[in-house]
Every structure is written in structure tokens, then in C-alpha cells.
Amino acid sequence: MKYLTEYLWFNTQNHREYINITSEIEKILKKSGIQEGMILISAMHITAGVYVNDAESGLISDIDKWLEELAPYRKDYRHHRTGEDNGDSHLKSLLIHHEVIVPVTKGELDLGPWQQVYYAEFDGNRRKRVIVKVMGD
């Protein structure tokens, strides 16, 4: 079994952003030489997430609207008593989740026809990272 660990770094311009990272994951996979196995992609911050879905701008807007409806920005989160103002960002991260595992078959990401890997930022304008761990033969 072979392993490769890489990190992707982000410093988004907006408070919330959804970034398609599929091509970067594919480059890391190629570098690893793995033909059969899996890739773990995990946000290493509690106000960000990683998910798999369609790369369609209307859907991305719908996801953002849905998250804002479920976890809206409010001033009254108990978390804000600590001096932070990002309680909604933590909740949005819980809804999206922080990681995905993508299978690797014949040296390629084994995604469905429309599936893409996304990094979701909910508390931007600061440096954050994602770990990408490739495992297999």
C-alpha cells in the first residue's frame, strides 16, 4: 500500500465561497501513482467543509441559500459570547460536513457523471487548509 499526503491552502476573498477543487485532487492523485484505492479530502478548520455535488451555478446558489436559511447569521449565538461572531459558520460546516472519501479506480477518481469535489468556506478572509490523503496500490 502507498500513501501520499498533500495540503491545499485557501484564503478566500469572500466570507462564504464554494470552490471546485476536483482538478487539484486529480493532480494529487496522478502524483501519487495510485491505481486502486481512495482519497480522503478533509477541511482542517471548523468553519469550512468539503462536499461532492454538481458543478452547476444555480445549484451552488441554492445550497448557499439553503444553508443561510438553516443557519442564518445572527448576533445572538451563544458562541458569540466568546468574542467570535461566526456561530453561523460553525453550524453551516456541520451541515456540509468536513470531509469526503472518493474512490480511485484504474488511476482515476471514481465519481458519478456530474459529481465534483468542492471546498466550502463559511468564514473567509483568512488562511485555511484542506488535507488530501491518497491511499492504495
C-alpha atoms as a PDB file:
ATOM      1  CA  MET A   1       0.000   0.000   0.000  1.00  0.00           C
ATOM      2  CA  LYS A   2       1.222   3.502  -0.895  1.00  0.00           C
ATOM      3  CA  TYR A   3       0.287   6.787   0.717  1.00  0.00           C
ATOM      4  CA  LEU A   4       0.612  10.435  -0.263  1.00  0.00           C
ATOM      5  CA  THR A   5      -0.395  13.434   1.838  1.00  0.00           C
ATOM      6  CA  GLU A   6      -0.751  16.924   0.346  1.00  0.00           C
ATOM      7  CA  TYR A   7      -2.326  20.147   1.581  1.00  0.00           C
ATOM      8  CA  LEU A   8      -4.392  22.696  -0.310  1.00  0.00           C
ATOM      9  CA  TRP A   9      -4.365  26.223   1.072  1.00  0.00           C
ATOM     10  CA  PHE A  10      -7.148  28.785   0.720  1.00  0.00           C
ATOM     11  CA  ASN A  11      -7.561  32.446   1.603  1.00  0.00           C
ATOM     12  CA  THR A  12     -10.901  33.403   0.118  1.00  0.00           C
ATOM     13  CA  GLN A  13     -11.904  36.956  -0.709  1.00  0.00           C
ATOM     14  CA  ASN A  14     -15.496  36.441   0.447  1.00  0.00           C
ATOM     15  CA  HIS A  15     -16.991  35.374   3.747  1.00  0.00           C
ATOM     16  CA  ARG A  16     -18.688  32.406   2.014  1.00  0.00           C
ATOM     17  CA  GLU A  17     -17.326  30.718  -1.112  1.00  0.00           C
ATOM     18  CA  TYR A  18     -17.692  27.375  -2.854  1.00  0.00           C
ATOM     19  CA  ILE A  19     -14.570  26.330  -4.755  1.00  0.00           C
ATOM     20  CA  ASN A  20     -14.405  23.407  -7.170  1.00  0.00           C
ATOM     21  CA  ILE A  21     -11.201  21.541  -6.229  1.00  0.00           C
ATOM     22  CA  THR A  22     -11.695  18.471  -8.426  1.00  0.00           C
ATOM     23  CA  SER A  23      -8.828  19.253 -10.803  1.00  0.00           C
ATOM     24  CA  GLU A  24      -6.444  19.816  -7.885  1.00  0.00           C
ATOM     25  CA  ILE A  25      -7.468  16.463  -6.371  1.00  0.00           C
ATOM     26  CA  GLU A  26      -6.884  14.784  -9.760  1.00  0.00           C
ATOM     27  CA  LYS A  27      -3.352  16.263  -9.936  1.00  0.00           C
ATOM     28  CA  ILE A  28      -2.558  14.923  -6.471  1.00  0.00           C
ATOM     29  CA  LEU A  29      -3.904  11.509  -7.482  1.00  0.00           C
ATOM     30  CA  LYS A  30      -1.691  11.443 -10.596  1.00  0.00           C
ATOM     31  CA  LYS A  31       1.332  12.432  -8.491  1.00  0.00           C
ATOM     32  CA  SER A  32       0.643   9.521  -6.115  1.00  0.00           C
ATOM     33  CA  GLY A  33       0.683   6.861  -8.840  1.00  0.00           C
ATOM     34  CA  ILE A  34      -2.178   5.046  -7.085  1.00  0.00           C
ATOM     35  CA  GLN A  35      -4.336   2.925  -9.395  1.00  0.00           C
ATOM     36  CA  GLU A  36      -6.777   1.425  -6.886  1.00  0.00           C
ATOM     37  CA  GLY A  37      -7.702   2.892  -3.511  1.00  0.00           C
ATOM     38  CA  MET A  38      -9.256   6.015  -2.079  1.00  0.00           C
ATOM     39  CA  ILE A  39      -8.667   9.672  -1.354  1.00  0.00           C
ATOM     40  CA  LEU A  40      -9.674  11.390   1.861  1.00  0.00           C
ATOM     41  CA  ILE A  41     -10.289  15.130   1.442  1.00  0.00           C
ATOM     42  CA  SER A  42     -10.834  16.943   4.738  1.00  0.00           C
ATOM     43  CA  ALA A  43     -11.153  20.591   5.743  1.00  0.00           C
ATOM     44  CA  MET A  44      -8.881  21.243   8.709  1.00  0.00           C
ATOM     45  CA  HIS A  45     -10.963  24.123  10.066  1.00  0.00           C
ATOM     46  CA  ILE A  46     -14.281  24.123  11.896  1.00  0.00           C
ATOM     47  CA  THR A  47     -15.839  26.847   9.750  1.00  0.00           C
ATOM     48  CA  ALA A  48     -15.253  25.125   6.397  1.00  0.00           C
ATOM     49  CA  GLY A  49     -16.311  21.920   4.715  1.00  0.00           C
ATOM     50  CA  VAL A  50     -15.811  19.568   1.786  1.00  0.00           C
ATOM     51  CA  TYR A  51     -18.622  18.032  -0.228  1.00  0.00           C
ATOM     52  CA  VAL A  52     -19.409  16.296  -3.525  1.00  0.00           C
ATOM     53  CA  ASN A  53     -22.158  17.595  -5.801  1.00  0.00           C
ATOM     54  CA  ASP A  54     -22.957  19.009  -9.240  1.00  0.00           C
ATOM     55  CA  ALA A  55     -20.884  21.911 -10.615  1.00  0.00           C
ATOM     56  CA  GLU A  56     -23.909  23.971 -11.617  1.00  0.00           C
ATOM     57  CA  SER A  57     -24.070  27.627 -10.564  1.00  0.00           C
ATOM     58  CA  GLY A  58     -27.810  27.582  -9.828  1.00  0.00           C
ATOM     59  CA  LEU A  59     -27.389  24.603  -7.521  1.00  0.00           C
ATOM     60  CA  ILE A  60     -24.458  26.253  -5.750  1.00  0.00           C
ATOM     61  CA  SER A  61     -26.642  29.333  -5.152  1.00  0.00           C
ATOM     62  CA  ASP A  62     -29.440  27.070  -3.902  1.00  0.00           C
ATOM     63  CA  ILE A  63     -27.038  25.327  -1.490  1.00  0.00           C
ATOM     64  CA  ASP A  64     -25.842  28.694  -0.177  1.00  0.00           C
ATOM     65  CA  LYS A  65     -29.426  29.936   0.283  1.00  0.00           C
ATOM     66  CA  TRP A  66     -30.445  26.672   1.990  1.00  0.00           C
ATOM     67  CA  LEU A  67     -27.506  26.862   4.404  1.00  0.00           C
ATOM     68  CA  GLU A  68     -28.268  30.504   5.218  1.00  0.00           C
ATOM     69  CA  GLU A  69     -31.913  29.577   5.915  1.00  0.00           C
ATOM     70  CA  LEU A  70     -30.929  26.683   8.210  1.00  0.00           C
ATOM     71  CA  ALA A  71     -28.054  28.516   9.937  1.00  0.00           C
ATOM     72  CA  PRO A  72     -28.549  32.248   9.394  1.00  0.00           C
ATOM     73  CA  TYR A  73     -26.135  34.869  10.607  1.00  0.00           C
ATOM     74  CA  ARG A  74     -27.481  36.172  13.908  1.00  0.00           C
ATOM     75  CA  LYS A  75     -25.984  38.255  16.689  1.00  0.00           C
ATOM     76  CA  ASP A  76     -27.473  36.110  19.476  1.00  0.00           C
ATOM     77  CA  TYR A  77     -25.494  32.857  19.131  1.00  0.00           C
ATOM     78  CA  ARG A  78     -24.039  31.818  22.493  1.00  0.00           C
ATOM     79  CA  HIS A  79     -20.728  31.242  20.713  1.00  0.00           C
ATOM     80  CA  HIS A  80     -20.510  34.998  20.160  1.00  0.00           C
ATOM     81  CA  ARG A  81     -20.108  35.464  23.926  1.00  0.00           C
ATOM     82  CA  THR A  82     -16.505  34.279  23.421  1.00  0.00           C
ATOM     83  CA  GLY A  83     -15.780  37.335  21.278  1.00  0.00           C
ATOM     84  CA  GLU A  84     -16.268  35.496  17.993  1.00  0.00           C
ATOM     85  CA  ASP A  85     -19.013  36.405  15.513  1.00  0.00           C
ATOM     86  CA  ASN A  86     -19.055  33.257  13.361  1.00  0.00           C
ATOM     87  CA  GLY A  87     -21.544  30.962  15.103  1.00  0.00           C
ATOM     88  CA  ASP A  88     -23.448  30.508  11.839  1.00  0.00           C
ATOM     89  CA  SER A  89     -20.223  29.431  10.082  1.00  0.00           C
ATOM     90  CA  HIS A  90     -19.746  26.566  12.549  1.00  0.00           C
ATOM     91  CA  LEU A  91     -23.326  25.404  12.005  1.00  0.00           C
ATOM     92  CA  LYS A  92     -23.034  25.587   8.200  1.00  0.00           C
ATOM     93  CA  SER A  93     -19.899  23.445   8.422  1.00  0.00           C
ATOM     94  CA  LEU A  94     -21.807  20.810  10.393  1.00  0.00           C
ATOM     95  CA  LEU A  95     -24.483  20.698   7.691  1.00  0.00           C
ATOM     96  CA  ILE A  96     -22.000  20.281   4.805  1.00  0.00           C
ATOM     97  CA  HIS A  97     -19.581  18.154   6.870  1.00  0.00           C
ATOM     98  CA  HIS A  98     -15.827  18.463   6.903  1.00  0.00           C
ATOM     99  CA  GLU A  99     -14.689  15.588   4.679  1.00  0.00           C
ATOM    100  CA  VAL A 100     -15.373  13.154   1.866  1.00  0.00           C
ATOM    101  CA  ILE A 101     -13.801   9.917   0.696  1.00  0.00           C
ATOM    102  CA  VAL A 102     -13.584   9.419  -3.075  1.00  0.00           C
ATOM    103  CA  PRO A 103     -12.829   6.001  -4.559  1.00  0.00           C
ATOM    104  CA  VAL A 104      -9.982   5.567  -7.037  1.00  0.00           C
ATOM    105  CA  THR A 105     -10.396   3.044  -9.857  1.00  0.00           C
ATOM    106  CA  LYS A 106      -7.870   2.486 -12.651  1.00  0.00           C
ATOM    107  CA  GLY A 107      -5.960   5.606 -11.604  1.00  0.00           C
ATOM    108  CA  GLU A 108      -8.991   7.932 -11.850  1.00  0.00           C
ATOM    109  CA  LEU A 109     -11.394   9.494  -9.388  1.00  0.00           C
ATOM    110  CA  ASP A 110     -14.425   7.220  -9.496  1.00  0.00           C
ATOM    111  CA  LEU A 111     -17.078   9.942  -9.376  1.00  0.00           C
ATOM    112  CA  GLY A 112     -20.546   9.890 -10.913  1.00  0.00           C
ATOM    113  CA  PRO A 113     -21.165  11.714 -14.201  1.00  0.00           C
ATOM    114  CA  TRP A 114     -21.900  15.112 -12.656  1.00  0.00           C
ATOM    115  CA  GLN A 115     -20.047  14.828  -9.365  1.00  0.00           C
ATOM    116  CA  GLN A 116     -17.320  17.320  -8.447  1.00  0.00           C
ATOM    117  CA  VAL A 117     -15.413  17.912  -5.202  1.00  0.00           C
ATOM    118  CA  TYR A 118     -15.940  21.290  -3.513  1.00  0.00           C
ATOM    119  CA  TYR A 119     -14.302  23.235  -0.720  1.00  0.00           C
ATOM    120  CA  ALA A 120     -16.915  25.287   1.137  1.00  0.00           C
ATOM    121  CA  GLU A 121     -15.723  28.343   3.057  1.00  0.00           C
ATOM    122  CA  PHE A 122     -18.064  29.862   5.654  1.00  0.00           C
ATOM    123  CA  ASP A 123     -15.748  32.287   7.461  1.00  0.00           C
ATOM    124  CA  GLY A 124     -13.334  33.571   4.833  1.00  0.00           C
ATOM    125  CA  ASN A 125     -10.666  36.209   4.556  1.00  0.00           C
ATOM    126  CA  ARG A 126      -8.105  34.147   6.440  1.00  0.00           C
ATOM    127  CA  ARG A 127      -5.743  31.317   5.538  1.00  0.00           C
ATOM    128  CA  LYS A 128      -7.126  27.781   5.850  1.00  0.00           C
ATOM    129  CA  ARG A 129      -6.131  24.348   4.592  1.00  0.00           C
ATOM    130  CA  VAL A 130      -7.503  21.036   3.398  1.00  0.00           C
ATOM    131  CA  ILE A 131      -5.658  17.740   3.800  1.00  0.00           C
ATOM    132  CA  VAL A 132      -5.699  15.321   0.864  1.00  0.00           C
ATOM    133  CA  LYS A 133      -4.587  11.792   1.745  1.00  0.00           C
ATOM    134  CA  VAL A 134      -4.280   9.258  -1.079  1.00  0.00           C
ATOM    135  CA  MET A 135      -4.174   5.571  -0.059  1.00  0.00           C
ATOM    136  CA  GLY A 136      -3.927   2.499  -2.263  1.00  0.00           C
ATOM    137  CA  ASP A 137      -1.865   0.473  -4.692  1.00  0.00           C
END
